[in-house]
Amino acid sequence: MGIESRRQARRTVPGMMEVYDTITEEPVGYVGNVSVGGMLLIAHRTLVHDALYQFRFALPDDFGETQPLEVGAHVLWVDDASAPGQSWAGLRFLGLSPEATRRLRWWTEQESHAT
């Protein structure tokens, strides 16, 4: 195992957390893992490297209720996945609101408390 060099802890998403493009209202893929700084997107739509997007996905809040979370995202890299028509994309979040930052931080920290 290599040494983890990311600044923020990432949480692997259990199940399939669908991601929508808020401009087109179309699904673009699923969250692979997420941190306060960004996410790995398992995309089934073509994403443009170095492009900016506005995405929405449902994230449980402090009370266990699923609430939508909108994020601006910059595509840092895109690689083909092994499944036909899918790709992996590394995204960096941009301009998160304090509330979005708080929710992401809280949710990613819950993995270490899960049984």
N, C-alpha and C. Protein backbone atom coordinates (compact mmCIF):
# COMPACT_ATOMS: atom_id res chain seq x y z
N MET A 1 0.84 -1.18 0.00
CA MET A 1 0.00 0.00 0.00
C MET A 1 0.88 1.24 0.00
N GLY A 2 0.53 2.21 -0.83
CA GLY A 2 1.24 3.49 -0.87
C GLY A 2 0.77 4.40 0.24
N ILE A 3 1.49 5.46 0.41
CA ILE A 3 1.11 6.46 1.42
C ILE A 3 0.07 7.38 0.82
N GLU A 4 -1.01 7.64 1.55
CA GLU A 4 -2.07 8.53 1.10
C GLU A 4 -1.56 9.96 1.13
N SER A 5 -1.65 10.65 -0.01
CA SER A 5 -1.11 12.01 -0.10
C SER A 5 -2.20 13.07 -0.23
N ARG A 6 -3.44 12.70 -0.15
CA ARG A 6 -4.51 13.68 -0.26
C ARG A 6 -4.61 14.52 1.00
N ARG A 7 -5.06 15.75 0.82
CA ARG A 7 -5.19 16.66 1.97
C ARG A 7 -6.41 16.36 2.81
N GLN A 8 -7.50 15.91 2.16
CA GLN A 8 -8.73 15.61 2.90
C GLN A 8 -9.03 14.11 2.82
N ALA A 9 -9.64 13.63 3.86
CA ALA A 9 -10.05 12.23 3.88
C ALA A 9 -11.15 12.03 2.84
N ARG A 10 -11.11 10.88 2.17
CA ARG A 10 -12.14 10.53 1.20
C ARG A 10 -12.97 9.40 1.76
N ARG A 11 -14.25 9.44 1.43
CA ARG A 11 -15.14 8.37 1.85
C ARG A 11 -15.68 7.66 0.61
N THR A 12 -15.53 6.35 0.59
CA THR A 12 -16.10 5.54 -0.47
C THR A 12 -17.60 5.51 -0.28
N VAL A 13 -18.33 5.65 -1.35
CA VAL A 13 -19.78 5.71 -1.27
C VAL A 13 -20.37 4.31 -1.38
N PRO A 14 -21.15 3.90 -0.37
CA PRO A 14 -21.81 2.60 -0.46
C PRO A 14 -22.99 2.70 -1.43
N GLY A 15 -23.18 1.69 -2.23
CA GLY A 15 -24.30 1.72 -3.16
C GLY A 15 -24.03 2.65 -4.33
N MET A 16 -25.10 3.19 -4.88
CA MET A 16 -24.99 4.03 -6.07
C MET A 16 -25.61 5.40 -5.80
N MET A 17 -24.76 6.39 -5.59
CA MET A 17 -25.19 7.76 -5.36
C MET A 17 -25.13 8.48 -6.71
N GLU A 18 -26.30 8.69 -7.34
CA GLU A 18 -26.36 9.24 -8.69
C GLU A 18 -26.03 10.73 -8.69
N VAL A 19 -25.33 11.15 -9.75
CA VAL A 19 -24.92 12.54 -9.93
C VAL A 19 -25.63 13.10 -11.16
N TYR A 20 -26.19 14.32 -11.02
CA TYR A 20 -26.91 14.98 -12.10
C TYR A 20 -26.20 16.27 -12.50
N ASP A 21 -26.21 16.56 -13.79
CA ASP A 21 -25.77 17.85 -14.30
C ASP A 21 -26.92 18.82 -14.04
N THR A 22 -26.71 19.88 -13.28
CA THR A 22 -27.82 20.77 -12.93
C THR A 22 -28.26 21.65 -14.10
N ILE A 23 -27.45 21.78 -15.13
CA ILE A 23 -27.82 22.58 -16.29
C ILE A 23 -28.77 21.78 -17.19
N THR A 24 -28.43 20.53 -17.47
CA THR A 24 -29.24 19.69 -18.36
C THR A 24 -30.27 18.86 -17.61
N GLU A 25 -30.10 18.73 -16.29
CA GLU A 25 -30.94 17.87 -15.43
C GLU A 25 -30.85 16.40 -15.85
N GLU A 26 -29.75 16.02 -16.48
CA GLU A 26 -29.54 14.63 -16.87
C GLU A 26 -28.54 13.96 -15.94
N PRO A 27 -28.75 12.66 -15.67
CA PRO A 27 -27.76 11.93 -14.87
C PRO A 27 -26.46 11.78 -15.66
N VAL A 28 -25.33 11.93 -14.97
CA VAL A 28 -24.02 11.80 -15.63
C VAL A 28 -23.22 10.62 -15.10
N GLY A 29 -23.61 10.07 -13.97
CA GLY A 29 -22.88 8.94 -13.41
C GLY A 29 -23.14 8.79 -11.92
N TYR A 30 -22.14 8.19 -11.25
CA TYR A 30 -22.26 7.88 -9.82
C TYR A 30 -21.00 8.32 -9.09
N VAL A 31 -21.18 8.70 -7.84
CA VAL A 31 -20.03 9.06 -7.00
C VAL A 31 -19.28 7.78 -6.65
N GLY A 32 -17.97 7.76 -6.88
CA GLY A 32 -17.13 6.65 -6.45
C GLY A 32 -16.63 6.87 -5.04
N ASN A 33 -16.06 8.06 -4.82
CA ASN A 33 -15.68 8.48 -3.47
C ASN A 33 -15.71 9.99 -3.45
N VAL A 34 -15.75 10.55 -2.25
CA VAL A 34 -15.93 12.00 -2.12
C VAL A 34 -15.16 12.51 -0.91
N SER A 35 -14.71 13.75 -1.02
CA SER A 35 -14.08 14.46 0.10
C SER A 35 -14.57 15.90 0.05
N VAL A 36 -14.12 16.70 0.98
CA VAL A 36 -14.46 18.12 0.97
C VAL A 36 -13.89 18.79 -0.28
N GLY A 37 -12.79 18.28 -0.79
CA GLY A 37 -12.12 18.90 -1.93
C GLY A 37 -12.55 18.43 -3.30
N GLY A 38 -13.20 17.25 -3.38
CA GLY A 38 -13.59 16.75 -4.70
C GLY A 38 -14.13 15.35 -4.65
N MET A 39 -14.25 14.74 -5.83
CA MET A 39 -14.80 13.39 -5.88
C MET A 39 -14.29 12.64 -7.10
N LEU A 40 -14.40 11.34 -7.00
CA LEU A 40 -14.19 10.45 -8.13
C LEU A 40 -15.58 10.16 -8.69
N LEU A 41 -15.78 10.47 -9.96
CA LEU A 41 -17.06 10.25 -10.61
C LEU A 41 -16.92 9.08 -11.57
N ILE A 42 -17.83 8.12 -11.47
CA ILE A 42 -17.92 7.03 -12.42
C ILE A 42 -18.96 7.50 -13.44
N ALA A 43 -18.48 7.99 -14.56
CA ALA A 43 -19.33 8.68 -15.53
C ALA A 43 -19.83 7.75 -16.63
N HIS A 44 -21.08 7.93 -17.03
CA HIS A 44 -21.61 7.23 -18.20
C HIS A 44 -21.97 8.23 -19.30
N ARG A 45 -21.56 9.46 -19.11
CA ARG A 45 -21.64 10.52 -20.13
C ARG A 45 -20.22 11.02 -20.36
N THR A 46 -19.99 11.56 -21.54
CA THR A 46 -18.67 12.10 -21.86
C THR A 46 -18.46 13.40 -21.11
N LEU A 47 -17.36 13.48 -20.36
CA LEU A 47 -16.97 14.72 -19.68
C LEU A 47 -15.72 15.26 -20.37
N VAL A 48 -15.64 16.57 -20.43
CA VAL A 48 -14.51 17.22 -21.09
C VAL A 48 -13.43 17.53 -20.06
N HIS A 49 -12.21 17.07 -20.35
CA HIS A 49 -11.08 17.35 -19.47
C HIS A 49 -10.91 18.86 -19.34
N ASP A 50 -10.65 19.34 -18.12
CA ASP A 50 -10.40 20.74 -17.79
C ASP A 50 -11.65 21.62 -17.89
N ALA A 51 -12.82 21.01 -18.03
CA ALA A 51 -14.07 21.76 -18.12
C ALA A 51 -14.66 21.98 -16.73
N LEU A 52 -15.59 22.92 -16.64
CA LEU A 52 -16.30 23.21 -15.40
C LEU A 52 -17.74 22.73 -15.53
N TYR A 53 -18.25 22.14 -14.45
CA TYR A 53 -19.62 21.63 -14.43
C TYR A 53 -20.28 22.05 -13.12
N GLN A 54 -21.61 21.97 -13.13
CA GLN A 54 -22.40 22.16 -11.91
C GLN A 54 -23.15 20.84 -11.71
N PHE A 55 -22.85 20.14 -10.61
CA PHE A 55 -23.45 18.83 -10.36
C PHE A 55 -24.28 18.85 -9.08
N ARG A 56 -25.20 17.89 -9.00
CA ARG A 56 -26.02 17.70 -7.80
C ARG A 56 -26.07 16.21 -7.49
N PHE A 57 -25.93 15.90 -6.20
CA PHE A 57 -26.12 14.53 -5.74
C PHE A 57 -26.73 14.59 -4.36
N ALA A 58 -27.33 13.50 -3.93
CA ALA A 58 -28.02 13.45 -2.63
C ALA A 58 -27.05 12.94 -1.58
N LEU A 59 -26.93 13.71 -0.51
CA LEU A 59 -26.01 13.36 0.57
C LEU A 59 -26.79 13.35 1.88
N PRO A 60 -26.67 12.29 2.67
CA PRO A 60 -27.35 12.29 3.98
C PRO A 60 -26.84 13.43 4.86
N ASP A 61 -27.77 14.05 5.60
CA ASP A 61 -27.38 15.12 6.51
C ASP A 61 -27.16 14.57 7.91
N ASP A 62 -26.97 15.46 8.87
CA ASP A 62 -26.70 15.08 10.27
C ASP A 62 -27.80 14.22 10.88
N PHE A 63 -29.01 14.32 10.32
CA PHE A 63 -30.15 13.59 10.88
C PHE A 63 -30.47 12.33 10.09
N GLY A 64 -29.61 11.99 9.11
CA GLY A 64 -29.83 10.79 8.31
C GLY A 64 -30.80 10.99 7.16
N GLU A 65 -31.27 12.23 6.99
CA GLU A 65 -32.17 12.55 5.88
C GLU A 65 -31.33 12.86 4.64
N THR A 66 -31.74 12.34 3.50
CA THR A 66 -31.02 12.60 2.26
C THR A 66 -31.44 13.95 1.71
N GLN A 67 -30.45 14.81 1.48
CA GLN A 67 -30.69 16.17 0.99
C GLN A 67 -29.81 16.40 -0.24
N PRO A 68 -30.33 17.15 -1.24
CA PRO A 68 -29.50 17.45 -2.41
C PRO A 68 -28.35 18.37 -2.04
N LEU A 69 -27.24 18.17 -2.71
CA LEU A 69 -26.05 19.00 -2.52
C LEU A 69 -25.57 19.40 -3.90
N GLU A 70 -25.47 20.71 -4.17
CA GLU A 70 -24.98 21.19 -5.45
C GLU A 70 -23.54 21.65 -5.30
N VAL A 71 -22.72 21.26 -6.28
CA VAL A 71 -21.30 21.60 -6.26
C VAL A 71 -20.85 22.05 -7.64
N GLY A 72 -19.98 23.04 -7.66
CA GLY A 72 -19.25 23.37 -8.87
C GLY A 72 -18.05 22.45 -8.93
N ALA A 73 -17.72 21.95 -10.11
CA ALA A 73 -16.64 20.98 -10.21
C ALA A 73 -15.78 21.24 -11.46
N HIS A 74 -14.47 21.08 -11.26
CA HIS A 74 -13.48 21.20 -12.33
C HIS A 74 -12.96 19.80 -12.62
N VAL A 75 -13.02 19.38 -13.88
CA VAL A 75 -12.54 18.05 -14.27
C VAL A 75 -11.02 18.09 -14.38
N LEU A 76 -10.35 17.37 -13.48
CA LEU A 76 -8.89 17.33 -13.46
C LEU A 76 -8.32 16.27 -14.39
N TRP A 77 -9.02 15.15 -14.51
CA TRP A 77 -8.57 14.06 -15.38
C TRP A 77 -9.74 13.15 -15.70
N VAL A 78 -9.62 12.43 -16.83
CA VAL A 78 -10.63 11.46 -17.26
C VAL A 78 -9.88 10.25 -17.81
N ASP A 79 -10.26 9.05 -17.38
CA ASP A 79 -9.69 7.80 -17.88
C ASP A 79 -10.82 6.84 -18.25
N ASP A 80 -10.58 6.02 -19.25
CA ASP A 80 -11.56 5.00 -19.62
C ASP A 80 -11.68 3.98 -18.49
N ALA A 81 -12.90 3.57 -18.21
CA ALA A 81 -13.14 2.50 -17.25
C ALA A 81 -13.19 1.18 -18.02
N SER A 82 -13.18 0.07 -17.29
CA SER A 82 -13.21 -1.23 -17.96
C SER A 82 -14.57 -1.54 -18.56
N ALA A 83 -15.64 -0.93 -18.04
CA ALA A 83 -16.98 -1.17 -18.58
C ALA A 83 -17.19 -0.29 -19.82
N PRO A 84 -17.75 -0.85 -20.87
CA PRO A 84 -17.99 -0.07 -22.09
C PRO A 84 -18.87 1.15 -21.80
N GLY A 85 -18.49 2.30 -22.35
CA GLY A 85 -19.29 3.51 -22.20
C GLY A 85 -19.10 4.24 -20.88
N GLN A 86 -18.20 3.78 -20.04
CA GLN A 86 -17.96 4.43 -18.75
C GLN A 86 -16.54 4.97 -18.69
N SER A 87 -16.39 5.99 -17.86
CA SER A 87 -15.06 6.55 -17.59
C SER A 87 -14.98 6.94 -16.13
N TRP A 88 -13.77 7.10 -15.67
CA TRP A 88 -13.48 7.60 -14.33
C TRP A 88 -13.07 9.06 -14.50
N ALA A 89 -13.55 9.93 -13.63
CA ALA A 89 -13.18 11.33 -13.72
C ALA A 89 -12.84 11.85 -12.32
N GLY A 90 -11.71 12.52 -12.21
CA GLY A 90 -11.32 13.16 -10.96
C GLY A 90 -11.76 14.61 -10.99
N LEU A 91 -12.56 15.00 -10.01
CA LEU A 91 -13.14 16.34 -9.96
C LEU A 91 -12.67 17.10 -8.72
N ARG A 92 -12.41 18.36 -8.89
CA ARG A 92 -12.10 19.26 -7.77
C ARG A 92 -13.29 20.19 -7.59
N PHE A 93 -13.79 20.30 -6.36
CA PHE A 93 -14.92 21.19 -6.09
C PHE A 93 -14.45 22.64 -6.07
N LEU A 94 -15.32 23.51 -6.55
CA LEU A 94 -15.03 24.95 -6.61
C LEU A 94 -16.11 25.74 -5.89
N GLY A 95 -15.71 26.74 -5.14
CA GLY A 95 -16.64 27.68 -4.54
C GLY A 95 -17.73 27.08 -3.69
N LEU A 96 -17.39 26.07 -2.89
CA LEU A 96 -18.41 25.47 -2.01
C LEU A 96 -18.89 26.47 -0.98
N SER A 97 -20.18 26.44 -0.72
CA SER A 97 -20.74 27.27 0.34
C SER A 97 -20.26 26.73 1.69
N PRO A 98 -20.28 27.55 2.72
CA PRO A 98 -19.92 27.04 4.05
C PRO A 98 -20.79 25.85 4.47
N GLU A 99 -22.07 25.88 4.11
CA GLU A 99 -22.97 24.78 4.48
C GLU A 99 -22.60 23.50 3.72
N ALA A 100 -22.30 23.61 2.43
CA ALA A 100 -21.89 22.43 1.66
C ALA A 100 -20.58 21.86 2.21
N THR A 101 -19.64 22.74 2.56
CA THR A 101 -18.37 22.29 3.13
C THR A 101 -18.60 21.56 4.45
N ARG A 102 -19.46 22.11 5.30
CA ARG A 102 -19.77 21.49 6.59
C ARG A 102 -20.40 20.12 6.38
N ARG A 103 -21.37 20.02 5.47
CA ARG A 103 -22.03 18.74 5.22
C ARG A 103 -21.07 17.70 4.68
N LEU A 104 -20.22 18.08 3.74
CA LEU A 104 -19.25 17.14 3.19
C LEU A 104 -18.25 16.69 4.25
N ARG A 105 -17.78 17.62 5.05
CA ARG A 105 -16.82 17.28 6.11
C ARG A 105 -17.47 16.31 7.10
N TRP A 106 -18.69 16.62 7.53
CA TRP A 106 -19.39 15.76 8.48
C TRP A 106 -19.57 14.37 7.90
N TRP A 107 -20.05 14.27 6.64
CA TRP A 107 -20.35 12.98 6.04
C TRP A 107 -19.08 12.15 5.83
N THR A 108 -18.00 12.77 5.36
CA THR A 108 -16.79 11.99 5.13
C THR A 108 -16.17 11.50 6.42
N GLU A 109 -16.36 12.24 7.50
CA GLU A 109 -15.83 11.81 8.80
C GLU A 109 -16.63 10.67 9.41
N GLN A 110 -17.85 10.43 8.95
CA GLN A 110 -18.70 9.38 9.52
C GLN A 110 -18.19 7.98 9.21
N GLU A 111 -17.43 7.82 8.13
CA GLU A 111 -16.92 6.49 7.77
C GLU A 111 -16.09 5.88 8.89
N SER A 112 -15.32 6.70 9.56
CA SER A 112 -14.47 6.17 10.63
C SER A 112 -15.29 5.77 11.86
N HIS A 113 -16.54 6.25 11.92
CA HIS A 113 -17.41 5.91 13.06
C HIS A 113 -18.39 4.79 12.73
N ALA A 114 -18.44 4.37 11.45
CA ALA A 114 -19.39 3.33 11.03
C ALA A 114 -18.94 1.97 11.55
N THR A 115 -19.91 1.09 11.76
CA THR A 115 -19.56 -0.26 12.22
C THR A 115 -19.65 -1.26 11.12
